[in-house]
């Protein structure tokens, strides 16, 4: 049996301060409510769908997430976006 994910333990640590600052005009990645409300858009962007991949490659960002992080975000969404 797999362990359910949570925003606080699993998702929030994935976002760096640089990510949070860069996305502040669109939504607050440090806010559970904002990430939950925009989860589908964030999921698309971390997969490079609907625009440039998030986070952007250096020097603007730290580069795209590895597949394991993308899968974790997808699992969090499938688990119902628990806090």
N, C-alpha and C. Protein backbone atom coordinates (compact mmCIF):
# COMPACT_ATOMS: atom_id res chain seq x y z
N UNK A 1 0.85 -1.19 0.00
CA UNK A 1 0.00 0.00 0.00
C UNK A 1 0.88 1.24 0.00
N UNK A 2 0.53 2.22 -0.81
CA UNK A 2 1.33 3.44 -0.89
C UNK A 2 0.88 4.46 0.13
N UNK A 3 1.80 5.26 0.56
CA UNK A 3 1.52 6.31 1.53
C UNK A 3 0.93 7.51 0.79
N UNK A 4 -0.16 8.09 1.33
CA UNK A 4 -0.71 9.29 0.70
C UNK A 4 0.30 10.45 0.75
N UNK A 5 0.22 11.29 -0.21
CA UNK A 5 1.09 12.46 -0.24
C UNK A 5 0.43 13.61 0.52
N UNK A 6 1.22 14.63 0.80
CA UNK A 6 0.65 15.84 1.39
C UNK A 6 1.41 17.04 0.84
N UNK A 7 0.74 18.18 0.80
CA UNK A 7 1.39 19.40 0.34
C UNK A 7 2.56 19.73 1.24
N UNK A 8 2.31 19.74 2.55
CA UNK A 8 3.32 20.19 3.50
C UNK A 8 4.57 19.31 3.49
N UNK A 9 4.39 17.99 3.48
CA UNK A 9 5.54 17.09 3.57
C UNK A 9 6.20 16.80 2.23
N UNK A 10 5.40 16.76 1.16
CA UNK A 10 5.93 16.28 -0.11
C UNK A 10 6.05 17.34 -1.20
N UNK A 11 5.07 18.23 -1.30
CA UNK A 11 5.02 19.16 -2.43
C UNK A 11 5.72 20.48 -2.13
N UNK A 12 5.43 21.09 -1.01
CA UNK A 12 6.04 22.39 -0.67
C UNK A 12 7.56 22.35 -0.75
N UNK A 13 8.22 21.29 -0.24
CA UNK A 13 9.69 21.26 -0.33
C UNK A 13 10.25 21.22 -1.76
N UNK A 14 9.42 20.90 -2.73
CA UNK A 14 9.88 20.86 -4.12
C UNK A 14 10.11 22.25 -4.71
N UNK A 15 9.44 23.26 -4.16
CA UNK A 15 9.52 24.62 -4.68
C UNK A 15 10.60 25.40 -3.94
N UNK A 16 11.58 25.91 -4.69
CA UNK A 16 12.64 26.71 -4.10
C UNK A 16 12.15 28.15 -3.91
N UNK A 17 12.90 28.90 -3.13
CA UNK A 17 12.57 30.33 -2.96
C UNK A 17 12.61 31.03 -4.31
N UNK A 18 13.52 30.62 -5.15
CA UNK A 18 13.64 31.19 -6.49
C UNK A 18 12.37 30.92 -7.30
N UNK A 19 11.85 29.68 -7.21
CA UNK A 19 10.59 29.32 -7.90
C UNK A 19 9.44 30.18 -7.39
N UNK A 20 9.36 30.27 -6.07
CA UNK A 20 8.27 31.01 -5.44
C UNK A 20 8.29 32.47 -5.89
N UNK A 21 9.47 33.07 -5.87
CA UNK A 21 9.60 34.47 -6.28
C UNK A 21 9.25 34.66 -7.75
N UNK A 22 9.73 33.75 -8.60
CA UNK A 22 9.51 33.88 -10.04
C UNK A 22 8.03 33.76 -10.41
N UNK A 23 7.26 32.98 -9.68
CA UNK A 23 5.87 32.72 -10.03
C UNK A 23 4.88 33.60 -9.27
N UNK A 24 5.37 34.48 -8.40
CA UNK A 24 4.50 35.27 -7.53
C UNK A 24 3.45 36.07 -8.28
N UNK A 25 3.72 36.50 -9.51
CA UNK A 25 2.73 37.28 -10.26
C UNK A 25 1.53 36.42 -10.65
N UNK A 26 1.75 35.12 -10.82
CA UNK A 26 0.68 34.22 -11.23
C UNK A 26 -0.01 33.55 -10.04
N UNK A 27 0.78 33.03 -9.12
CA UNK A 27 0.26 32.38 -7.91
C UNK A 27 1.40 32.17 -6.93
N UNK A 28 1.04 31.88 -5.71
CA UNK A 28 2.01 31.72 -4.62
C UNK A 28 2.29 30.24 -4.40
N UNK A 29 3.46 29.78 -4.83
CA UNK A 29 3.83 28.37 -4.68
C UNK A 29 4.06 27.98 -3.23
N UNK A 30 4.19 28.96 -2.33
CA UNK A 30 4.35 28.67 -0.91
C UNK A 30 3.01 28.53 -0.20
N UNK A 31 1.92 28.75 -0.93
CA UNK A 31 0.58 28.71 -0.36
C UNK A 31 -0.15 27.44 -0.79
N UNK A 32 -0.55 26.62 0.17
CA UNK A 32 -1.29 25.41 -0.15
C UNK A 32 -2.52 25.74 -0.99
N UNK A 33 -3.27 26.75 -0.59
CA UNK A 33 -4.50 27.12 -1.30
C UNK A 33 -4.24 27.50 -2.75
N UNK A 34 -3.19 28.27 -3.00
CA UNK A 34 -2.87 28.67 -4.37
C UNK A 34 -2.40 27.48 -5.20
N UNK A 35 -1.55 26.64 -4.62
CA UNK A 35 -1.05 25.49 -5.37
C UNK A 35 -2.19 24.52 -5.67
N UNK A 36 -3.07 24.31 -4.71
CA UNK A 36 -4.22 23.42 -4.95
C UNK A 36 -5.12 24.00 -6.04
N UNK A 37 -5.41 25.30 -5.96
CA UNK A 37 -6.29 25.94 -6.93
C UNK A 37 -5.70 25.93 -8.35
N UNK A 38 -4.39 25.94 -8.47
CA UNK A 38 -3.73 26.00 -9.77
C UNK A 38 -2.98 24.71 -10.09
N UNK A 39 -3.31 23.62 -9.40
CA UNK A 39 -2.56 22.37 -9.54
C UNK A 39 -2.49 21.88 -10.99
N UNK A 40 -3.60 21.94 -11.71
CA UNK A 40 -3.60 21.44 -13.08
C UNK A 40 -2.67 22.26 -13.97
N UNK A 41 -2.68 23.58 -13.80
CA UNK A 41 -1.81 24.46 -14.59
C UNK A 41 -0.35 24.20 -14.22
N UNK A 42 -0.07 24.10 -12.93
CA UNK A 42 1.30 23.83 -12.48
C UNK A 42 1.78 22.49 -13.02
N UNK A 43 0.92 21.48 -12.96
CA UNK A 43 1.28 20.15 -13.45
C UNK A 43 1.62 20.21 -14.94
N UNK A 44 0.82 20.93 -15.70
CA UNK A 44 1.12 21.07 -17.13
C UNK A 44 2.46 21.77 -17.34
N UNK A 45 2.69 22.83 -16.60
CA UNK A 45 3.92 23.62 -16.80
C UNK A 45 5.17 22.85 -16.38
N UNK A 46 5.11 22.05 -15.31
CA UNK A 46 6.30 21.29 -14.93
C UNK A 46 6.58 20.19 -15.95
N UNK A 47 5.57 19.84 -16.76
CA UNK A 47 5.75 18.87 -17.83
C UNK A 47 6.03 19.56 -19.17
N UNK A 48 6.06 20.89 -19.18
CA UNK A 48 6.35 21.64 -20.40
C UNK A 48 5.17 21.75 -21.35
N UNK A 49 3.96 21.60 -20.82
CA UNK A 49 2.74 21.69 -21.63
C UNK A 49 2.13 23.07 -21.44
N UNK A 50 1.74 23.72 -22.53
CA UNK A 50 1.05 25.01 -22.43
C UNK A 50 1.96 26.20 -22.24
N UNK A 51 3.22 26.03 -22.52
CA UNK A 51 4.17 27.13 -22.36
C UNK A 51 5.53 26.59 -21.98
N UNK A 52 6.41 27.49 -21.60
CA UNK A 52 7.76 27.09 -21.21
C UNK A 52 7.70 26.21 -19.97
N UNK A 53 8.66 25.30 -19.90
CA UNK A 53 8.72 24.41 -18.74
C UNK A 53 9.04 25.22 -17.49
N UNK A 54 8.45 24.80 -16.39
CA UNK A 54 8.67 25.44 -15.10
C UNK A 54 9.30 24.39 -14.19
N UNK A 55 10.33 24.71 -13.44
CA UNK A 55 11.12 25.93 -13.44
C UNK A 55 12.00 26.04 -14.69
N UNK A 56 12.28 27.28 -15.07
CA UNK A 56 13.06 27.50 -16.29
C UNK A 56 14.51 27.03 -16.11
N UNK A 57 15.16 26.75 -17.21
CA UNK A 57 16.57 26.35 -17.15
C UNK A 57 17.46 27.51 -16.72
N UNK A 58 18.68 27.20 -16.25
CA UNK A 58 19.62 28.25 -15.88
C UNK A 58 19.85 29.19 -17.06
N UNK A 59 20.13 30.43 -16.85
CA UNK A 59 20.40 31.08 -15.58
C UNK A 59 19.14 31.61 -14.88
N UNK A 60 17.97 31.54 -15.51
CA UNK A 60 16.75 32.09 -14.91
C UNK A 60 16.20 31.22 -13.80
N UNK A 61 16.45 29.93 -13.86
CA UNK A 61 15.92 29.00 -12.87
C UNK A 61 16.86 27.84 -12.66
N UNK A 62 16.37 26.86 -11.97
CA UNK A 62 17.21 25.71 -11.65
C UNK A 62 16.98 24.55 -12.61
N UNK A 63 16.14 24.78 -13.60
CA UNK A 63 15.94 23.76 -14.62
C UNK A 63 14.74 22.88 -14.35
N UNK A 64 14.34 22.15 -15.37
CA UNK A 64 13.18 21.27 -15.25
C UNK A 64 13.36 20.22 -14.16
N UNK A 65 12.23 19.82 -13.59
CA UNK A 65 12.24 18.77 -12.56
C UNK A 65 12.54 17.42 -13.18
N UNK A 66 13.17 16.54 -12.41
CA UNK A 66 13.30 15.15 -12.86
C UNK A 66 11.92 14.49 -12.85
N UNK A 67 11.79 13.42 -13.59
CA UNK A 67 10.51 12.73 -13.70
C UNK A 67 9.96 12.31 -12.35
N UNK A 68 10.83 11.95 -11.41
CA UNK A 68 10.36 11.52 -10.08
C UNK A 68 9.58 12.62 -9.37
N UNK A 69 10.00 13.88 -9.50
CA UNK A 69 9.27 15.00 -8.89
C UNK A 69 7.95 15.24 -9.60
N UNK A 70 7.97 15.15 -10.93
CA UNK A 70 6.74 15.33 -11.70
C UNK A 70 5.74 14.25 -11.31
N UNK A 71 6.21 13.01 -11.18
CA UNK A 71 5.34 11.91 -10.77
C UNK A 71 4.77 12.13 -9.37
N UNK A 72 5.59 12.66 -8.46
CA UNK A 72 5.12 12.93 -7.09
C UNK A 72 4.02 13.99 -7.10
N UNK A 73 4.20 15.04 -7.90
CA UNK A 73 3.17 16.07 -7.99
C UNK A 73 1.88 15.47 -8.56
N UNK A 74 2.00 14.63 -9.57
CA UNK A 74 0.84 13.96 -10.15
C UNK A 74 0.15 13.06 -9.14
N UNK A 75 0.93 12.36 -8.33
CA UNK A 75 0.35 11.50 -7.28
C UNK A 75 -0.40 12.33 -6.25
N UNK A 76 0.18 13.47 -5.88
CA UNK A 76 -0.48 14.37 -4.93
C UNK A 76 -1.84 14.80 -5.47
N UNK A 77 -1.88 15.14 -6.75
CA UNK A 77 -3.16 15.52 -7.36
C UNK A 77 -4.13 14.32 -7.35
N UNK A 78 -3.64 13.15 -7.70
CA UNK A 78 -4.49 11.94 -7.72
C UNK A 78 -4.99 11.59 -6.32
N UNK A 79 -4.21 11.93 -5.30
CA UNK A 79 -4.61 11.68 -3.91
C UNK A 79 -5.63 12.70 -3.41
N UNK A 80 -5.98 13.69 -4.24
CA UNK A 80 -6.95 14.70 -3.86
C UNK A 80 -6.36 15.99 -3.32
N UNK A 81 -5.07 16.21 -3.54
CA UNK A 81 -4.37 17.43 -3.10
C UNK A 81 -4.47 17.65 -1.59
N UNK A 82 -4.12 16.64 -0.78
CA UNK A 82 -4.22 16.84 0.67
C UNK A 82 -3.22 17.87 1.20
N UNK A 83 -3.62 18.58 2.25
CA UNK A 83 -2.73 19.60 2.82
C UNK A 83 -1.51 18.96 3.46
